[in-house]
Amino acid sequence: MAYLPQLSGFIVKFFTLFVLILSLAACGQPEEVNYQAQAIHDEDECAVCGMLITRFPGPKGQAIFDHEHVKFCSTRDMVAFVTDEENSHRVSDVFVHDMEKTPWKAPTQDSYIDGRKAWYVTGSNKKGAMGPTFASFANKEAAQNFAQEHGGKLQTFSELKPLQSTMKMKM
């Protein structure tokens, strides 16, 4: 009977270790979420300037910021927000309209593409919500054709970053 306290101590230690292992296993990596662009509604406001997004022409942008959708009236405002050093590490996904597949005057909800993989034309004669904007395209050739027709320079998403300093942030 002298070994009974030792056995019960062993059981307590074993049970504690078992619970600890289960707890650690539950603390694995969070499940990855596959975000998609959302529809932009008439009442949606730009996260940078506060303007109603659907009232203006040109490509729009969206970002997943701290696991929440944030919408923008133009790709230029979206780039300014996403590349801001206080925001960039909190943005997981970026979406922009593919302007090869949608009209400039009123971009459609089904034409969003990955904004980090898109090709952009800067400095064209086409205007967006805040005046000059970045025309976004999934296809490099379509972006080049747009630049030939409307002027401007072809750039990748990472090349747009220096341009964000020209924007005034609402936030």
Protein backbone atom coordinates (compact mmCIF):
# COMPACT_ATOMS: atom_id res chain seq x y z
CA MET A 1 0.00 0.00 0.00
CA ALA A 2 2.99 2.32 0.35
CA TYR A 3 3.25 2.57 -3.41
CA LEU A 4 -0.36 3.88 -3.81
CA PRO A 5 0.57 7.57 -3.18
CA GLN A 6 3.42 7.21 -5.67
CA LEU A 7 1.05 5.70 -8.25
CA SER A 8 -1.54 8.45 -7.80
CA GLY A 9 1.24 11.08 -8.12
CA PHE A 10 2.34 9.41 -11.36
CA ILE A 11 -1.24 9.46 -12.69
CA VAL A 12 -1.61 13.16 -11.86
CA LYS A 13 1.70 13.97 -13.62
CA PHE A 14 0.76 11.80 -16.62
CA PHE A 15 -2.68 13.43 -16.90
CA THR A 16 -1.15 16.94 -16.60
CA LEU A 17 1.40 16.14 -19.34
CA PHE A 18 -1.36 14.72 -21.55
CA VAL A 19 -3.48 17.88 -21.18
CA LEU A 20 -0.44 20.07 -21.89
CA ILE A 21 0.35 18.17 -25.10
CA LEU A 22 -3.25 18.48 -26.28
CA SER A 23 -3.21 22.21 -25.52
CA LEU A 24 -0.01 22.74 -27.49
CA ALA A 25 -1.37 20.78 -30.44
CA ALA A 26 -4.42 23.05 -30.50
CA CYS A 27 -2.15 26.12 -30.66
CA GLY A 28 -0.90 25.30 -34.17
CA GLN A 29 -1.01 27.66 -37.09
CA PRO A 30 -4.34 29.38 -37.63
CA GLU A 31 -6.39 28.10 -40.52
CA GLU A 32 -5.60 30.03 -43.68
CA VAL A 33 -8.57 31.92 -45.11
CA ASN A 34 -9.00 32.32 -48.85
CA TYR A 35 -10.42 35.83 -49.16
CA GLN A 36 -12.22 37.07 -52.27
CA ALA A 37 -13.14 40.58 -53.37
CA GLN A 38 -16.59 41.71 -52.24
CA ALA A 39 -19.25 43.59 -54.16
CA ILE A 40 -19.06 47.35 -53.79
CA HIS A 41 -22.41 48.88 -52.85
CA ASP A 42 -23.71 52.42 -53.39
CA GLU A 43 -23.22 53.29 -49.70
CA ASP A 44 -19.60 52.03 -49.49
CA GLU A 45 -17.06 54.75 -48.73
CA CYS A 46 -13.37 54.88 -49.58
CA ALA A 47 -11.18 54.05 -46.58
CA VAL A 48 -8.72 56.82 -47.54
CA CYS A 49 -10.79 59.81 -48.67
CA GLY A 50 -14.33 58.94 -47.53
CA MET A 51 -15.90 59.43 -50.98
CA LEU A 52 -18.73 57.17 -52.13
CA ILE A 53 -16.95 54.58 -54.26
CA THR A 54 -19.57 53.84 -56.94
CA ARG A 55 -19.98 57.49 -57.96
CA PHE A 56 -16.67 57.60 -59.82
CA PRO A 57 -15.13 55.98 -62.89
CA GLY A 58 -12.01 53.86 -63.12
CA PRO A 59 -10.62 50.84 -61.33
CA LYS A 60 -11.36 50.38 -57.64
CA GLY A 61 -9.34 48.56 -55.02
CA GLN A 62 -9.94 46.38 -51.99
CA ALA A 63 -7.64 45.04 -49.31
CA ILE A 64 -7.91 42.58 -46.46
CA PHE A 65 -6.71 44.60 -43.46
CA ASP A 66 -6.61 42.77 -40.12
CA HIS A 67 -8.94 40.11 -41.63
CA GLU A 68 -11.53 42.74 -42.65
CA HIS A 69 -12.44 44.01 -46.14
CA VAL A 70 -11.44 47.62 -46.78
CA LYS A 71 -12.61 49.32 -49.99
CA PHE A 72 -11.19 52.19 -52.03
CA CYS A 73 -12.56 54.56 -54.67
CA SER A 74 -9.44 54.19 -56.80
CA THR A 75 -6.41 52.01 -57.22
CA ARG A 76 -4.27 54.99 -56.30
CA ASP A 77 -5.95 55.33 -52.87
CA MET A 78 -5.66 51.58 -52.38
CA VAL A 79 -1.93 51.62 -53.13
CA ALA A 80 -1.44 54.58 -50.77
CA PHE A 81 -3.17 52.69 -47.95
CA VAL A 82 -1.57 49.29 -48.57
CA THR A 83 1.98 50.60 -48.88
CA ASP A 84 1.80 52.90 -45.87
CA GLU A 85 4.35 51.56 -43.36
CA GLU A 86 1.75 51.45 -40.56
CA ASN A 87 -0.62 49.34 -42.69
CA SER A 88 1.53 47.19 -44.98
CA HIS A 89 2.26 44.41 -42.46
CA ARG A 90 -1.45 44.11 -41.62
CA VAL A 91 -2.65 43.63 -45.21
CA SER A 92 -2.95 40.03 -46.38
CA ASP A 93 -4.69 40.38 -49.76
CA VAL A 94 -5.17 43.10 -52.38
CA PHE A 95 -7.75 43.19 -55.19
CA VAL A 96 -8.15 45.54 -58.18
CA HIS A 97 -10.32 45.60 -61.31
CA ASP A 98 -8.93 44.06 -64.49
CA MET A 99 -9.62 46.95 -66.84
CA GLU A 100 -9.22 44.74 -69.90
CA LYS A 101 -12.46 42.98 -68.87
CA THR A 102 -14.61 45.82 -67.58
CA PRO A 103 -15.73 49.30 -68.71
CA TRP A 104 -13.81 52.29 -67.32
CA LYS A 105 -16.97 54.23 -66.54
CA ALA A 106 -18.46 51.56 -64.25
CA PRO A 107 -16.21 48.58 -63.44
CA THR A 108 -18.09 45.33 -62.82
CA GLN A 109 -18.02 43.26 -59.64
CA ASP A 110 -16.79 40.11 -61.38
CA SER A 111 -13.57 41.57 -62.77
CA TYR A 112 -11.35 41.65 -59.66
CA ILE A 113 -7.83 40.24 -59.78
CA ASP A 114 -4.91 39.89 -57.35
CA GLY A 115 -3.59 43.43 -56.99
CA ARG A 116 -0.05 42.33 -56.17
CA LYS A 117 0.21 40.39 -59.43
CA ALA A 118 -1.45 43.04 -61.62
CA TRP A 119 0.22 45.29 -64.16
CA TYR A 120 -0.44 49.01 -63.74
CA VAL A 121 -0.34 51.97 -66.10
CA THR A 122 0.50 55.23 -64.35
CA GLY A 123 0.24 58.69 -65.88
CA SER A 124 -2.44 57.90 -68.47
CA ASN A 125 -5.04 60.41 -69.67
CA LYS A 126 -7.83 58.37 -68.03
CA LYS A 127 -9.10 59.74 -64.72
CA GLY A 128 -10.45 57.97 -61.64
CA ALA A 129 -12.11 59.21 -58.46
CA MET A 130 -9.17 61.33 -57.30
CA GLY A 131 -8.09 62.44 -60.78
CA PRO A 132 -5.02 60.49 -61.90
CA THR A 133 -5.21 56.82 -61.03
CA PHE A 134 -3.49 53.54 -61.81
CA ALA A 135 -5.11 51.48 -64.57
CA SER A 136 -4.85 47.83 -63.49
CA PHE A 137 -4.59 44.74 -65.71
CA ALA A 138 -4.08 41.01 -65.28
CA ASN A 139 -2.36 40.78 -68.66
CA LYS A 140 0.87 42.68 -69.42
CA GLU A 141 0.02 42.96 -73.13
CA ALA A 142 -3.36 44.53 -72.32
CA ALA A 143 -1.61 47.04 -70.05
CA GLN A 144 0.89 47.88 -72.84
CA ASN A 145 -1.96 48.38 -75.33
CA PHE A 146 -3.74 50.68 -72.86
CA ALA A 147 -0.53 52.70 -72.37
CA GLN A 148 -0.09 53.07 -76.14
CA GLU A 149 -3.66 54.33 -76.50
CA HIS A 150 -3.92 56.51 -73.37
CA GLY A 151 -0.30 57.28 -72.52
CA GLY A 152 1.45 56.35 -69.32
CA LYS A 153 4.08 54.02 -67.99
CA LEU A 154 3.82 50.30 -67.26
CA GLN A 155 4.65 49.29 -63.66
CA THR A 156 4.31 46.37 -61.26
CA PHE A 157 2.71 46.69 -57.83
CA SER A 158 6.09 46.96 -56.06
CA GLU A 159 7.13 49.78 -58.39
CA LEU A 160 4.06 51.82 -57.37
CA LYS A 161 5.18 52.10 -53.73
CA PRO A 162 7.21 55.32 -54.06
CA LEU A 163 4.14 57.07 -55.52
CA GLN A 164 2.10 56.60 -52.31
CA SER A 165 3.81 59.57 -50.62
CA THR A 166 1.80 61.95 -52.84
CA MET A 167 -1.47 60.96 -51.16
CA LYS A 168 -3.04 62.51 -48.07
CA MET A 169 -4.49 59.84 -45.80
CA LYS A 170 -7.93 60.27 -44.17
CA MET A 171 -7.10 57.81 -41.39
